[in-house]
C-alpha atoms as a PDB file:
ATOM      1  CA  MET A   1       0.000   0.000   0.000  1.00  0.00           C
ATOM      2  CA  SER A   2       1.402   3.344  -0.949  1.00  0.00           C
ATOM      3  CA  HIS A   3       0.995   6.646   0.806  1.00  0.00           C
ATOM      4  CA  SER A   4      -1.219   9.324  -0.754  1.00  0.00           C
ATOM      5  CA  ALA A   5       1.685  11.576  -1.868  1.00  0.00           C
ATOM      6  CA  SER A   6       2.670   9.236  -4.721  1.00  0.00           C
ATOM      7  CA  ARG A   7      -0.672   7.800  -5.841  1.00  0.00           C
ATOM      8  CA  ARG A   8      -1.892   8.163  -9.407  1.00  0.00           C
ATOM      9  CA  CYS A   9      -5.328   8.004 -11.023  1.00  0.00           C
ATOM     10  CA  SER A  10      -6.657   4.435 -11.323  1.00  0.00           C
ATOM     11  CA  ARG A  11      -8.154   5.035 -14.785  1.00  0.00           C
ATOM     12  CA  THR A  12      -6.360   3.214 -17.599  1.00  0.00           C
ATOM     13  CA  ALA A  13      -3.709   5.304 -19.374  1.00  0.00           C
ATOM     14  CA  CYS A  14      -4.104   8.227 -16.952  1.00  0.00           C
ATOM     15  CA  GLY A  15      -0.959   9.169 -15.073  1.00  0.00           C
ATOM     16  CA  ARG A  16      -2.203  12.279 -13.297  1.00  0.00           C
ATOM     17  CA  ALA A  17      -2.014  12.625  -9.522  1.00  0.00           C
ATOM     18  CA  ALA A  18      -5.032  11.304  -7.639  1.00  0.00           C
ATOM     19  CA  ILE A  19      -7.068  13.693  -5.479  1.00  0.00           C
ATOM     20  CA  ALA A  20     -10.145  11.601  -4.628  1.00  0.00           C
ATOM     21  CA  THR A  21     -11.057   8.017  -3.770  1.00  0.00           C
ATOM     22  CA  LEU A  22     -14.079   6.233  -5.223  1.00  0.00           C
ATOM     23  CA  THR A  23     -15.697   3.326  -3.375  1.00  0.00           C
ATOM     24  CA  PHE A  24     -18.884   1.383  -4.037  1.00  0.00           C
ATOM     25  CA  VAL A  25     -21.617   0.337  -1.614  1.00  0.00           C
ATOM     26  CA  TYR A  26     -23.166  -2.468  -3.622  1.00  0.00           C
ATOM     27  CA  ALA A  27     -26.009  -3.145  -1.154  1.00  0.00           C
ATOM     28  CA  ASP A  28     -27.232   0.464  -1.547  1.00  0.00           C
ATOM     29  CA  GLN A  29     -26.261   0.847  -5.219  1.00  0.00           C
ATOM     30  CA  THR A  30     -24.195   3.901  -4.304  1.00  0.00           C
ATOM     31  CA  ALA A  31     -20.863   5.166  -5.611  1.00  0.00           C
ATOM     32  CA  VAL A  32     -19.101   7.267  -2.959  1.00  0.00           C
ATOM     33  CA  LEU A  33     -16.517   9.846  -4.052  1.00  0.00           C
ATOM     34  CA  GLY A  34     -14.570  11.406  -1.212  1.00  0.00           C
ATOM     35  CA  PRO A  35     -11.203  12.930  -0.375  1.00  0.00           C
ATOM     36  CA  LEU A  36      -8.145  10.856  -1.209  1.00  0.00           C
ATOM     37  CA  ALA A  37      -7.914   8.038   1.313  1.00  0.00           C
ATOM     38  CA  THR A  38      -4.805   7.921   3.477  1.00  0.00           C
ATOM     39  CA  TYR A  39      -3.782   4.536   2.056  1.00  0.00           C
ATOM     40  CA  ALA A  40      -4.576   2.759  -1.198  1.00  0.00           C
ATOM     41  CA  GLU A  41      -7.271   0.135  -0.663  1.00  0.00           C
ATOM     42  CA  PRO A  42      -7.703  -2.879  -2.944  1.00  0.00           C
ATOM     43  CA  HIS A  43     -11.440  -2.266  -3.606  1.00  0.00           C
ATOM     44  CA  ALA A  44     -11.232   1.511  -4.037  1.00  0.00           C
ATOM     45  CA  TYR A  45     -10.237   3.632  -7.012  1.00  0.00           C
ATOM     46  CA  ASP A  46      -8.140   6.791  -6.818  1.00  0.00           C
ATOM     47  CA  LEU A  47      -9.129   9.468  -9.337  1.00  0.00           C
ATOM     48  CA  CYS A  48      -7.536  12.643 -10.710  1.00  0.00           C
ATOM     49  CA  PRO A  49      -9.501  15.936 -10.861  1.00  0.00           C
ATOM     50  CA  GLU A  50     -10.700  15.327 -14.438  1.00  0.00           C
ATOM     51  CA  HIS A  51     -11.976  11.798 -13.823  1.00  0.00           C
ATOM     52  CA  SER A  52     -13.519  12.872 -10.470  1.00  0.00           C
ATOM     53  CA  GLU A  53     -15.580  15.556 -12.219  1.00  0.00           C
ATOM     54  CA  ARG A  54     -16.672  13.294 -15.077  1.00  0.00           C
ATOM     55  CA  LEU A  55     -17.674  10.407 -12.812  1.00  0.00           C
ATOM     56  CA  SER A  56     -20.987   8.770 -13.648  1.00  0.00           C
ATOM     57  CA  ALA A  57     -22.660   5.733 -12.126  1.00  0.00           C
ATOM     58  CA  PRO A  58     -24.671   2.921 -13.723  1.00  0.00           C
ATOM     59  CA  ARG A  59     -28.407   3.486 -14.235  1.00  0.00           C
ATOM     60  CA  GLY A  60     -30.240   3.184 -10.915  1.00  0.00           C
ATOM     61  CA  TRP A  61     -27.125   3.985  -8.880  1.00  0.00           C
ATOM     62  CA  GLU A  62     -26.624   7.144  -6.838  1.00  0.00           C
ATOM     63  CA  VAL A  63     -23.333   9.097  -6.733  1.00  0.00           C
ATOM     64  CA  LEU A  64     -22.574  10.508  -3.305  1.00  0.00           C
ATOM     65  CA  ARG A  65     -19.864  13.203  -3.333  1.00  0.00           C
ATOM     66  CA  LEU A  66     -18.455  13.737   0.159  1.00  0.00           C
ATOM     67  CA  ALA A  67     -16.157  16.654  -0.633  1.00  0.00           C
ATOM     68  CA  SER A  68     -17.257  19.766  -2.478  1.00  0.00           C
ATOM     69  CA  ASP A  69     -13.711  20.970  -3.251  1.00  0.00           C
ATOM     70  CA  LEU A  70     -11.553  18.139  -4.542  1.00  0.00           C
ATOM     71  CA  SER A  71      -8.757  20.361  -5.859  1.00  0.00           C
ATOM     72  CA  PRO A  72      -5.286  19.226  -4.780  1.00  0.00           C
ATOM     73  CA  ARG A  73      -3.934  21.096  -1.810  1.00  0.00           C
ATOM     74  CA  GLY A  74      -0.306  21.759  -1.079  1.00  0.00           C
ATOM     75  CA  PRO A  75       1.128  22.306   2.356  1.00  0.00           C
ATOM     76  CA  SER A  76      -0.205  25.352   4.197  1.00  0.00           C
ATOM     77  CA  ASP A  77       1.978  28.150   5.541  1.00  0.00           C
ATOM     78  CA  ASP A  78       1.529  26.677   9.026  1.00  0.00           C
ATOM     79  CA  ASP A  79       2.775  23.285   7.789  1.00  0.00           C
ATOM     80  CA  LEU A  80       5.845  24.852   6.205  1.00  0.00           C
ATOM     81  CA  LEU A  81       6.642  26.925   9.298  1.00  0.00           C
ATOM     82  CA  ALA A  82       6.285  23.875  11.560  1.00  0.00           C
ATOM     83  CA  LEU A  83       8.602  21.906   9.286  1.00  0.00           C
ATOM     84  CA  ALA A  84      11.197  24.718   9.265  1.00  0.00           C
ATOM     85  CA  ASP A  85      11.047  24.938  13.082  1.00  0.00           C
ATOM     86  CA  ALA A  86      11.523  21.172  13.396  1.00  0.00           C
ATOM     87  CA  VAL A  87      14.543  21.257  11.072  1.00  0.00           C
ATOM     88  CA  ARG A  88      16.104  24.139  13.013  1.00  0.00           C
ATOM     89  CA  GLU A  89      15.501  22.335  16.316  1.00  0.00           C
ATOM     90  CA  ALA A  90      17.040  19.105  15.020  1.00  0.00           C
ATOM     91  CA  ALA A  91      20.123  20.996  13.768  1.00  0.00           C
ATOM     92  CA  ARG A  92      20.786  22.627  17.142  1.00  0.00           C
ATOM     93  CA  PRO A  93      23.750  21.105  18.960  1.00  0.00           C
ATOM     94  CA  VAL A  94      22.800  19.262  22.100  1.00  0.00           C
ATOM     95  CA  GLU A  95      24.507  20.705  25.141  1.00  0.00           C
ATOM     96  CA  PRO A  96      25.499  18.107  27.700  1.00  0.00           C
ATOM     97  CA  ALA A  97      23.764  18.453  31.014  1.00  0.00           C
ATOM     98  CA  PRO A  98      26.036  19.944  33.642  1.00  0.00           C
ATOM     99  CA  ALA A  99      27.439  17.368  36.017  1.00  0.00           C
ATOM    100  CA  PRO A 100      25.992  17.797  39.480  1.00  0.00           C
ATOM    101  CA  SER A 101      28.507  19.263  41.846  1.00  0.00           C
ATOM    102  CA  LEU A 102      29.870  17.074  44.560  1.00  0.00           C
ATOM    103  CA  GLU A 103      29.213  18.088  48.093  1.00  0.00           C
ATOM    104  CA  GLN A 104      32.253  19.210  49.976  1.00  0.00           C
ATOM    105  CA  GLY A 105      33.940  16.234  51.522  1.00  0.00           C
ATOM    106  CA  SER A 106      32.714  13.680  48.959  1.00  0.00           C
ATOM    107  CA  ARG A 107      34.363  12.152  45.926  1.00  0.00           C
ATOM    108  CA  GLU A 108      33.238  10.020  43.027  1.00  0.00           C
ATOM    109  CA  THR A 109      34.531   6.455  43.407  1.00  0.00           C
ATOM    110  CA  ALA A 110      32.683   4.587  40.629  1.00  0.00           C
ATOM    111  CA  ARG A 111      30.394   5.213  37.657  1.00  0.00           C
ATOM    112  CA  ARG A 112      27.964   2.950  35.821  1.00  0.00           C
ATOM    113  CA  GLY A 113      26.044   4.609  32.981  1.00  0.00           C
ATOM    114  CA  HIS A 114      24.360   7.690  34.400  1.00  0.00           C
ATOM    115  CA  LEU A 115      24.775   6.541  38.022  1.00  0.00           C
ATOM    116  CA  ARG A 116      27.676   7.630  40.203  1.00  0.00           C
ATOM    117  CA  MET A 117      28.890   6.204  43.491  1.00  0.00           C
ATOM    118  CA  LEU A 118      30.026   8.859  45.899  1.00  0.00           C
ATOM    119  CA  THR A 119      32.072   8.333  49.001  1.00  0.00           C
ATOM    120  CA  VAL A 120      31.692  10.881  51.760  1.00  0.00           C
ATOM    121  CA  GLU A 121      34.924  11.739  53.429  1.00  0.00           C
ATOM    122  CA  ASP A 122      34.086  12.603  56.991  1.00  0.00           C
ATOM    123  CA  SER A 123      36.295  15.389  58.302  1.00  0.00           C
ATOM    124  CA  ARG A 124      35.002  14.971  61.856  1.00  0.00           C
ATOM    125  CA  PRO A 125      37.352  13.240  64.229  1.00  0.00           C
ATOM    126  CA  ASP A 126      36.682   9.543  64.818  1.00  0.00           C
ATOM    127  CA  PRO A 127      34.859   9.292  68.171  1.00  0.00           C
ATOM    128  CA  GLU A 128      36.774   6.100  69.046  1.00  0.00           C
ATOM    129  CA  LEU A 129      40.093   7.884  68.724  1.00  0.00           C
ATOM    130  CA  THR A 130      39.100  10.876  70.832  1.00  0.00           C
ATOM    131  CA  ARG A 131      38.276   8.881  73.959  1.00  0.00           C
END
């Protein structure tokens, strides 16, 4: 299944870009023409603007058009600005997080990944020695 950006009209010998998807509801004898589906479906037909406008259904069938404006739409200004912001953000160098400062009297004795083992050096006199 291909994504909508590269889909072409399903009509034989037509290579134009598809803008609408045609499906059939056989039980109701209805042909439904709507906006281009997100993904190509095996029992649906993608149509270009010309074939969308000229669509006709068999006698006794109803054509239901879900979208009044089937003209192809490009990205909006908001889409382009969001894309530019995302590119700028991705290009920014990542600053390493500052290492937390050690408390006075402690030192780092081991490291595993983001974890550090600190040993506190007690500067108080040993009570056993002062007796």
